[in-house]
Amino acid sequence: MLPHMSNATVGAKLARSPGITGEHVRGLIAQAGGDLERICQPEVLAGMELPPAARRFLQRPDQALIAADLAWLRASGARLLLWGEDDYPRQLAAIQGAPAALYVLGDITALQAPQLAMVGARGASPPGRAIARELAGALTQAGLIITSGLASGIDAASHQGALAAGGRTVAVLGTGPDRTYPAENAALARHIRASGALVTEFPPRTGPRPQNFPQRNRVISGLALGTLVVEAAERSGSLITAQRAAHQGREVFAVPGSIRSPLSRGCHQLIRDGAHLVEGPADVLDGLNFHFESQGLGSYGLAALDGGGPPPGGGTPLDKEYEMLLDALGFEPATIDTLVARSGLSGESIASMLLILELEGRIAPYPGGLYGRLSR
């Protein structure tokens, strides 16, 4: 392994070189006799098979671009980790096609700690987001760092759950380190940097290009011991991340859902293909064979996921009519008309009761006039 990189200019050049991977960096270092200063010299490049675009860039790098990248690194306090450095995450370095370099904002030690990737639908349901938050909190308390992609929906909920439990979390960006996408998660990104790390292989001033996100997904799965999917449609980026995890020899987990929900189909397909079925945090820990000092998962434990214990934010036992309404609602979203037919209560009473249950955090509204229960 290399020591802390002495020549940031070389690192910035390699980070900007299209198609360069960790394998290329290893070959260049060997070709240069371990001397970073010589990596970009013509005789070293001549002895290596490189992507044509990368060779052209390394032969004639855009000096103004490199200077701007180095200026941003100095101003931001970010680190640029080159493949082979001691601080480059070991889990990621082991995969085929690992990034040549990583830009890191925050705590670089978080990248070496045991991680679990959590991904899922951007348009997640309220129960799906609640389950992601609860699982992330429990698994954080068990000693794992939660890694995700800062996207809306399950990604954001997973980061939030880890932070709420007092843990660290890692966000892998599909943009340069100076951009936040989506913009609505800017405050969340600041919290993640303060209690974990923001990571990307894309240089500064790189926008959210569509092709970046499948490329980013291999980093999310590559950093982690395994990948947990919470809600995913049949064709989604979350399934790409799970497939990358399987190809990398990492464990894959999925939370099952309603047979009527399109957001369950991707998870059910993963389970059919051999993913671990997850009903609570213990299923993930067992699947990873992850040993930790305390089995006590506190308020984020299994009871929080199986409907036991008090509702979120506390609350008092419900009156008989409210319990009857929740029984009629079951665990799949339903309309007020359906609840009238199931419970025998009036539509006006049900509408009023649903509002109270929503304020107490027991249910949430869905598109199309539906209501669904939240995990307790």
Protein backbone atom coordinates (compact mmCIF):
# COMPACT_ATOMS: atom_id res chain seq x y z
CA MET A 1 0.00 0.00 0.00
CA LEU A 2 1.07 3.58 -0.61
CA PRO A 3 1.51 6.09 2.21
CA HIS A 4 -0.58 9.26 2.28
CA MET A 5 -0.31 10.60 -1.24
CA SER A 6 2.64 12.98 -1.52
CA ASN A 7 1.83 14.23 -5.01
CA ALA A 8 -1.74 15.53 -5.10
CA THR A 9 -1.26 16.64 -8.70
CA VAL A 10 -0.72 13.05 -9.84
CA GLY A 11 -3.85 11.98 -7.95
CA ALA A 12 -5.92 14.76 -9.52
CA LYS A 13 -4.73 13.73 -13.00
CA LEU A 14 -5.65 10.10 -12.43
CA ALA A 15 -9.03 11.08 -10.95
CA ARG A 16 -9.76 13.07 -14.12
CA SER A 17 -8.64 10.31 -16.53
CA PRO A 18 -11.70 8.71 -18.24
CA GLY A 19 -12.07 4.99 -17.59
CA ILE A 20 -9.10 4.64 -15.23
CA THR A 21 -9.65 2.02 -12.49
CA GLY A 22 -7.74 0.74 -9.50
CA GLU A 23 -6.25 -2.01 -11.65
CA HIS A 24 -4.78 0.62 -13.97
CA VAL A 25 -3.32 2.53 -11.02
CA ARG A 26 -1.73 -0.64 -9.68
CA GLY A 27 -0.18 -1.33 -13.08
CA LEU A 28 1.10 2.22 -13.45
CA ILE A 29 2.66 2.16 -9.98
CA ALA A 30 4.38 -1.13 -10.79
CA GLN A 31 5.53 0.18 -14.18
CA ALA A 32 6.95 3.28 -12.46
CA GLY A 33 8.81 1.20 -9.90
CA GLY A 34 6.60 2.53 -7.09
CA ASP A 35 7.54 6.15 -7.82
CA LEU A 36 4.35 8.26 -8.04
CA GLU A 37 6.30 11.11 -9.62
CA ARG A 38 6.95 8.93 -12.70
CA ILE A 39 3.43 7.58 -13.26
CA CYS A 40 2.55 10.06 -16.02
CA GLN A 41 5.90 9.97 -17.79
CA PRO A 42 5.78 8.83 -21.45
CA GLU A 43 7.87 5.69 -20.93
CA VAL A 44 5.59 4.53 -18.10
CA LEU A 45 2.38 5.19 -20.07
CA ALA A 46 3.84 3.43 -23.12
CA GLY A 47 4.18 0.19 -21.17
CA MET A 48 0.53 0.11 -20.04
CA GLU A 49 -2.77 -0.84 -21.69
CA LEU A 50 -5.04 2.12 -20.92
CA PRO A 51 -8.39 3.35 -22.22
CA PRO A 52 -7.60 5.59 -25.24
CA ALA A 53 -9.30 8.63 -23.70
CA ALA A 54 -7.32 8.17 -20.48
CA ARG A 55 -4.04 7.85 -22.36
CA ARG A 56 -4.74 11.06 -24.28
CA PHE A 57 -5.58 12.94 -21.10
CA LEU A 58 -2.53 11.72 -19.19
CA GLN A 59 -0.26 12.58 -22.11
CA ARG A 60 -1.69 16.10 -22.39
CA PRO A 61 -3.65 16.89 -19.21
CA ASP A 62 -5.77 20.03 -18.99
CA GLN A 63 -3.56 21.96 -16.57
CA ALA A 64 -6.19 24.62 -15.84
CA LEU A 65 -8.70 21.89 -14.91
CA ILE A 66 -6.22 20.16 -12.63
CA ALA A 67 -5.28 23.46 -10.99
CA ALA A 68 -8.95 24.20 -10.31
CA ASP A 69 -9.43 20.75 -8.76
CA LEU A 70 -6.42 21.23 -6.49
CA ALA A 71 -7.64 24.68 -5.46
CA TRP A 72 -11.03 23.22 -4.56
CA LEU A 73 -9.40 20.47 -2.49
CA ARG A 74 -7.41 23.01 -0.52
CA ALA A 75 -10.41 25.29 0.07
CA SER A 76 -12.88 22.54 0.99
CA GLY A 77 -10.72 20.44 3.27
CA ALA A 78 -11.59 17.33 1.25
CA ARG A 79 -9.22 14.40 0.85
CA LEU A 80 -8.34 12.75 -2.47
CA LEU A 81 -7.60 9.07 -1.88
CA LEU A 82 -5.71 7.20 -4.59
CA TRP A 83 -6.21 3.46 -5.01
CA GLY A 84 -3.42 1.76 -3.07
CA GLU A 85 -3.16 4.38 -0.33
CA ASP A 86 -3.53 3.20 3.27
CA ASP A 87 -6.70 5.27 3.73
CA TYR A 88 -8.41 3.99 0.57
CA PRO A 89 -11.25 1.70 1.80
CA ARG A 90 -10.12 -1.93 1.78
CA GLN A 91 -13.56 -3.37 0.95
CA LEU A 92 -13.82 -1.20 -2.14
CA ALA A 93 -10.21 -1.78 -3.23
CA ALA A 94 -10.97 -5.50 -3.47
CA ILE A 95 -13.64 -5.25 -6.19
CA GLN A 96 -13.00 -5.37 -9.91
CA GLY A 97 -13.12 -1.93 -11.48
CA ALA A 98 -12.71 0.00 -8.21
CA PRO A 99 -12.38 3.77 -8.72
CA ALA A 100 -8.86 5.03 -9.28
CA ALA A 101 -9.47 7.79 -6.74
CA LEU A 102 -12.09 8.99 -4.28
CA TYR A 103 -12.94 12.50 -3.12
CA VAL A 104 -13.95 12.39 0.55
CA LEU A 105 -15.57 15.08 2.70
CA GLY A 106 -15.83 14.20 6.36
CA ASP A 107 -14.44 11.33 8.42
CA ILE A 108 -12.28 9.06 6.26
CA THR A 109 -12.14 6.46 9.04
CA ALA A 110 -15.82 5.73 8.41
CA LEU A 111 -14.84 4.19 5.07
CA GLN A 112 -12.76 1.47 6.76
CA ALA A 113 -15.45 0.48 9.28
CA PRO A 114 -17.97 -2.37 8.64
CA GLN A 115 -20.74 -1.00 6.42
CA LEU A 116 -24.18 -2.07 5.23
CA ALA A 117 -25.55 -0.54 2.02
CA MET A 118 -29.25 0.36 2.17
CA VAL A 119 -31.06 1.33 -1.02
CA GLY A 120 -34.59 1.45 -2.38
CA ALA A 121 -37.26 3.36 -4.22
CA ARG A 122 -37.05 7.14 -4.60
CA GLY A 123 -40.86 7.32 -4.53
CA ALA A 124 -41.04 5.14 -1.42
CA SER A 125 -44.23 4.71 0.58
CA PRO A 126 -44.49 6.19 4.10
CA PRO A 127 -44.28 2.70 5.69
CA GLY A 128 -41.27 1.89 3.52
CA ARG A 129 -39.45 5.02 4.67
CA ALA A 130 -40.35 4.25 8.28
CA ILE A 131 -39.00 0.68 7.98
CA ALA A 132 -35.78 1.99 6.42
CA ARG A 133 -35.29 4.50 9.25
CA GLU A 134 -35.97 1.87 11.91
CA LEU A 135 -33.72 -0.77 10.38
CA ALA A 136 -30.92 1.75 9.84
CA GLY A 137 -31.17 2.89 13.45
CA ALA A 138 -31.10 -0.65 14.82
CA LEU A 139 -28.21 -1.74 12.63
CA THR A 140 -26.28 1.41 13.53
CA GLN A 141 -26.69 0.56 17.21
CA ALA A 142 -25.41 -2.93 16.42
CA GLY A 143 -22.15 -1.46 15.12
CA LEU A 144 -22.64 -1.08 11.36
CA ILE A 145 -22.23 2.11 9.36
CA ILE A 146 -25.11 2.71 6.94
CA THR A 147 -24.05 3.53 3.38
CA SER A 148 -26.46 4.83 0.75
CA GLY A 149 -26.75 7.23 -2.16
CA LEU A 150 -28.39 10.41 -0.75
CA ALA A 151 -31.35 9.99 -3.13
CA SER A 152 -34.90 10.81 -2.09
CA GLY A 153 -37.00 8.06 -0.52
CA ILE A 154 -35.32 5.02 1.01
CA ASP A 155 -31.77 6.41 0.68
CA ALA A 156 -32.58 9.56 2.63
CA ALA A 157 -34.61 7.63 5.22
CA SER A 158 -31.69 5.23 5.78
CA HIS A 159 -29.24 8.09 6.34
CA GLN A 160 -31.73 9.77 8.68
CA GLY A 161 -32.26 6.59 10.69
CA ALA A 162 -28.53 6.15 11.24
CA LEU A 163 -28.09 9.78 12.30
CA ALA A 164 -31.10 9.67 14.62
CA ALA A 165 -29.57 6.65 16.39
CA GLY A 166 -26.36 8.61 16.98
CA GLY A 167 -24.38 6.67 14.38
CA ARG A 168 -22.25 7.44 11.36
CA THR A 169 -23.41 7.16 7.77
CA VAL A 170 -21.72 7.36 4.36
CA ALA A 171 -23.32 8.93 1.26
CA VAL A 172 -21.93 7.99 -2.15
CA LEU A 173 -22.63 10.79 -4.63
CA GLY A 174 -23.42 10.59 -8.32
CA THR A 175 -22.00 14.11 -8.77
CA GLY A 176 -18.80 15.94 -7.99
CA PRO A 177 -18.04 16.50 -4.29
CA ASP A 178 -19.01 20.17 -4.61
CA ARG A 179 -22.60 19.37 -5.69
CA THR A 180 -25.60 18.06 -3.75
CA TYR A 181 -28.20 16.10 -5.67
CA PRO A 182 -31.08 16.27 -5.15
CA ALA A 183 -30.87 19.83 -3.81
CA GLU A 184 -33.61 19.10 -1.26
CA ASN A 185 -31.12 16.89 0.61
CA ALA A 186 -28.53 19.66 1.11
CA ALA A 187 -29.16 19.88 4.87
CA LEU A 188 -28.99 16.09 5.15
CA ALA A 189 -25.66 16.11 3.28
CA ARG A 190 -24.25 18.62 5.79
CA HIS A 191 -25.30 16.37 8.69
CA ILE A 192 -23.75 13.34 6.99
CA ARG A 193 -20.44 15.16 6.49
CA ALA A 194 -20.43 16.10 10.18
CA SER A 195 -21.23 12.54 11.34
CA GLY A 196 -19.73 10.40 8.60
CA ALA A 197 -18.55 11.01 5.07
CA LEU A 198 -19.58 12.15 1.60
CA VAL A 199 -17.76 10.15 -1.08
CA THR A 200 -17.54 10.33 -4.86
CA GLU A 201 -15.26 9.27 -7.68
CA PHE A 202 -16.44 12.19 -9.82
CA PRO A 203 -14.28 15.34 -9.90
CA PRO A 204 -15.48 18.78 -8.79
CA ARG A 205 -17.99 20.54 -11.04
CA THR A 206 -19.45 17.23 -12.31
CA GLY A 207 -23.24 17.49 -12.53
CA PRO A 208 -25.88 14.76 -12.05
CA ARG A 209 -25.48 13.01 -15.42
CA PRO A 210 -27.73 9.94 -15.89
CA GLN A 211 -24.78 7.64 -16.60
CA ASN A 212 -23.14 8.54 -13.29
CA PHE A 213 -25.68 6.79 -11.10
CA PRO A 214 -25.28 3.17 -12.27
CA GLN A 215 -21.53 3.76 -11.98
CA ARG A 216 -21.99 5.12 -8.45
CA ASN A 217 -24.02 2.03 -7.46
CA ARG A 218 -20.99 -0.28 -7.67
CA VAL A 219 -19.24 1.96 -5.13
CA ILE A 220 -22.21 1.81 -2.73
CA SER A 221 -22.22 -1.99 -2.81
CA GLY A 222 -18.42 -2.23 -2.99
CA LEU A 223 -17.91 -0.33 0.25
CA ALA A 224 -20.25 -2.61 2.19
CA LEU A 225 -20.38 -6.14 3.55
CA GLY A 226 -23.85 -6.48 2.07
CA THR A 227 -26.73 -4.59 0.45
CA LEU A 228 -30.27 -4.32 1.88
CA VAL A 229 -33.11 -3.32 -0.45
CA VAL A 230 -36.27 -1.76 1.01
CA GLU A 231 -38.96 -1.28 -1.68
CA ALA A 232 -37.96 -1.52 -5.34
CA ALA A 233 -39.90 -1.74 -8.58
CA GLU A 234 -39.16 -4.49 -11.10
CA ARG A 235 -36.70 -2.26 -12.96
CA SER A 236 -34.82 0.12 -10.72
CA GLY A 237 -31.40 1.36 -9.80
CA SER A 238 -31.73 -0.42 -6.46
CA LEU A 239 -31.77 -3.77 -8.24
CA ILE A 240 -28.63 -2.74 -10.13
CA THR A 241 -26.94 -2.09 -6.78
CA ALA A 242 -28.08 -5.49 -5.48
CA GLN A 243 -26.81 -7.19 -8.64
CA ARG A 244 -23.45 -5.43 -8.27
CA ALA A 245 -23.28 -6.63 -4.66
CA ALA A 246 -23.92 -10.24 -5.73
CA HIS A 247 -21.25 -10.02 -8.47
CA GLN A 248 -18.83 -8.60 -5.90
CA GLY A 249 -19.40 -11.59 -3.63
CA ARG A 250 -21.32 -9.56 -1.04
CA GLU A 251 -24.55 -10.55 0.71
CA VAL A 252 -27.91 -9.32 -0.59
CA PHE A 253 -30.97 -8.72 1.62
CA ALA A 254 -34.52 -7.66 0.80
CA VAL A 255 -37.57 -6.62 2.82
CA PRO A 256 -40.77 -8.25 1.49
CA GLY A 257 -43.97 -6.29 1.03
CA SER A 258 -47.56 -6.44 -0.12
CA ILE A 259 -48.27 -8.54 -3.22
CA ARG A 260 -50.43 -5.64 -4.43
CA SER A 261 -47.65 -3.04 -4.32
CA PRO A 262 -45.47 -2.46 -7.41
CA LEU A 263 -42.71 -1.42 -4.99
CA SER A 264 -42.60 -4.97 -3.60
CA ARG A 265 -41.92 -6.72 -6.87
CA GLY A 266 -38.22 -5.97 -7.06
CA CYS A 267 -37.65 -7.19 -3.49
CA HIS A 268 -39.69 -10.33 -4.10
CA GLN A 269 -37.64 -11.07 -7.22
CA LEU A 270 -34.43 -10.68 -5.22
CA ILE A 271 -35.74 -13.11 -2.59
CA ARG A 272 -36.68 -15.62 -5.31
CA ASP A 273 -33.14 -15.25 -6.65
CA GLY A 274 -31.63 -16.08 -3.25
CA ALA A 275 -31.50 -12.83 -1.29
CA HIS A 276 -31.95 -13.05 2.48
CA LEU A 277 -35.54 -12.25 3.51
CA VAL A 278 -35.48 -9.53 6.17
CA GLU A 279 -38.16 -9.07 8.80
CA GLY A 280 -35.93 -7.33 11.32
CA PRO A 281 -32.33 -6.29 12.04
CA ALA A 282 -31.38 -9.73 13.39
CA ASP A 283 -31.90 -11.22 9.91
CA VAL A 284 -29.27 -8.85 8.51
CA LEU A 285 -26.80 -9.41 11.32
CA ASP A 286 -27.18 -13.20 11.04
CA GLY A 287 -26.77 -13.07 7.27
CA LEU A 288 -23.56 -11.07 7.62
CA ASN A 289 -22.37 -13.24 10.51
CA PHE A 290 -21.72 -9.90 12.16
CA HIS A 291 -20.72 -10.20 15.80
CA PHE A 292 -21.21 -7.30 18.12
CA GLU A 293 -20.91 -6.78 21.85
CA SER A 294 -24.54 -6.16 22.73
CA GLN A 295 -27.64 -7.77 21.32
CA GLY A 296 -29.78 -5.08 22.94
CA LEU A 297 -31.06 -3.00 20.04
CA GLY A 298 -33.01 -0.61 22.22
CA SER A 299 -35.96 1.32 20.81
CA TYR A 300 -34.85 0.57 17.25
CA GLY A 301 -35.05 -3.19 17.78
CA LEU A 302 -37.34 -5.89 16.45
CA ALA A 303 -40.28 -4.72 18.54
CA ALA A 304 -40.23 -1.45 16.63
CA LEU A 305 -40.63 -3.31 13.36
CA ASP A 306 -43.19 -5.96 14.22
CA GLY A 307 -45.87 -3.65 15.55
CA GLY A 308 -45.10 -4.13 19.25
CA GLY A 309 -44.49 -1.40 21.75
CA PRO A 310 -45.75 2.18 21.72
CA PRO A 311 -46.33 4.16 18.54
CA PRO A 312 -43.70 6.60 17.27
CA GLY A 313 -43.35 9.59 19.54
CA GLY A 314 -45.11 7.83 22.43
CA GLY A 315 -48.90 7.93 22.60
CA THR A 316 -51.68 6.31 24.66
CA PRO A 317 -53.67 3.11 24.12
CA LEU A 318 -56.44 3.55 21.57
CA ASP A 319 -60.18 3.49 22.18
CA LYS A 320 -62.05 0.42 20.96
CA GLU A 321 -63.34 2.17 17.79
CA TYR A 322 -59.84 3.26 16.80
CA GLU A 323 -58.52 -0.26 17.32
CA MET A 324 -61.39 -1.56 15.21
CA LEU A 325 -60.52 0.94 12.46
CA LEU A 326 -56.84 -0.10 12.48
CA ASP A 327 -57.89 -3.76 12.33
CA ALA A 328 -60.07 -2.94 9.32
CA LEU A 329 -57.16 -1.10 7.70
CA GLY A 330 -54.88 -4.11 8.08
CA PHE A 331 -51.41 -3.78 6.59
CA GLU A 332 -52.28 -2.71 3.05
CA PRO A 333 -53.47 0.77 2.03
CA ALA A 334 -57.22 1.22 1.74
CA THR A 335 -59.73 3.95 0.88
CA ILE A 336 -62.31 5.41 3.25
CA ASP A 337 -65.07 3.60 1.32
CA THR A 338 -63.29 0.29 1.87
CA LEU A 339 -62.94 1.05 5.57
CA VAL A 340 -66.66 1.90 5.82
CA ALA A 341 -67.51 -1.50 4.33
CA ARG A 342 -65.07 -3.37 6.58
CA SER A 343 -65.77 -1.62 9.87
CA GLY A 344 -69.41 -0.55 9.74
CA LEU A 345 -68.42 2.93 10.90
CA SER A 346 -69.66 6.04 9.10
CA GLY A 347 -67.51 7.77 6.51
CA GLU A 348 -67.57 11.01 8.53
CA SER A 349 -66.37 9.22 11.69
CA ILE A 350 -63.65 7.40 9.79
CA ALA A 351 -62.34 10.62 8.20
CA SER A 352 -62.07 12.25 11.64
CA MET A 353 -60.43 9.19 13.19
CA LEU A 354 -57.91 8.91 10.34
CA LEU A 355 -56.81 12.48 10.97
CA ILE A 356 -56.16 11.70 14.65
CA LEU A 357 -54.27 8.51 13.76
CA GLU A 358 -52.18 10.43 11.24
CA LEU A 359 -51.29 13.08 13.83
CA GLU A 360 -50.23 10.32 16.24
CA GLY A 361 -47.94 8.83 13.60
CA ARG A 362 -49.87 5.55 13.30
CA ILE A 363 -50.97 5.94 9.66
CA ALA A 364 -50.05 7.99 6.60
CA PRO A 365 -51.97 9.14 3.51
CA TYR A 366 -51.08 7.67 0.12
CA PRO A 367 -51.80 8.96 -3.39
CA GLY A 368 -55.24 8.10 -4.73
CA GLY A 369 -57.12 8.65 -1.45
CA LEU A 370 -55.52 5.65 0.27
CA TYR A 371 -54.38 5.32 3.87
CA GLY A 372 -51.80 2.89 5.24
CA ARG A 373 -50.41 1.88 8.61
CA LEU A 374 -46.92 2.90 9.73
CA SER A 375 -44.60 0.52 11.56
CA ARG A 376 -44.47 1.20 15.30
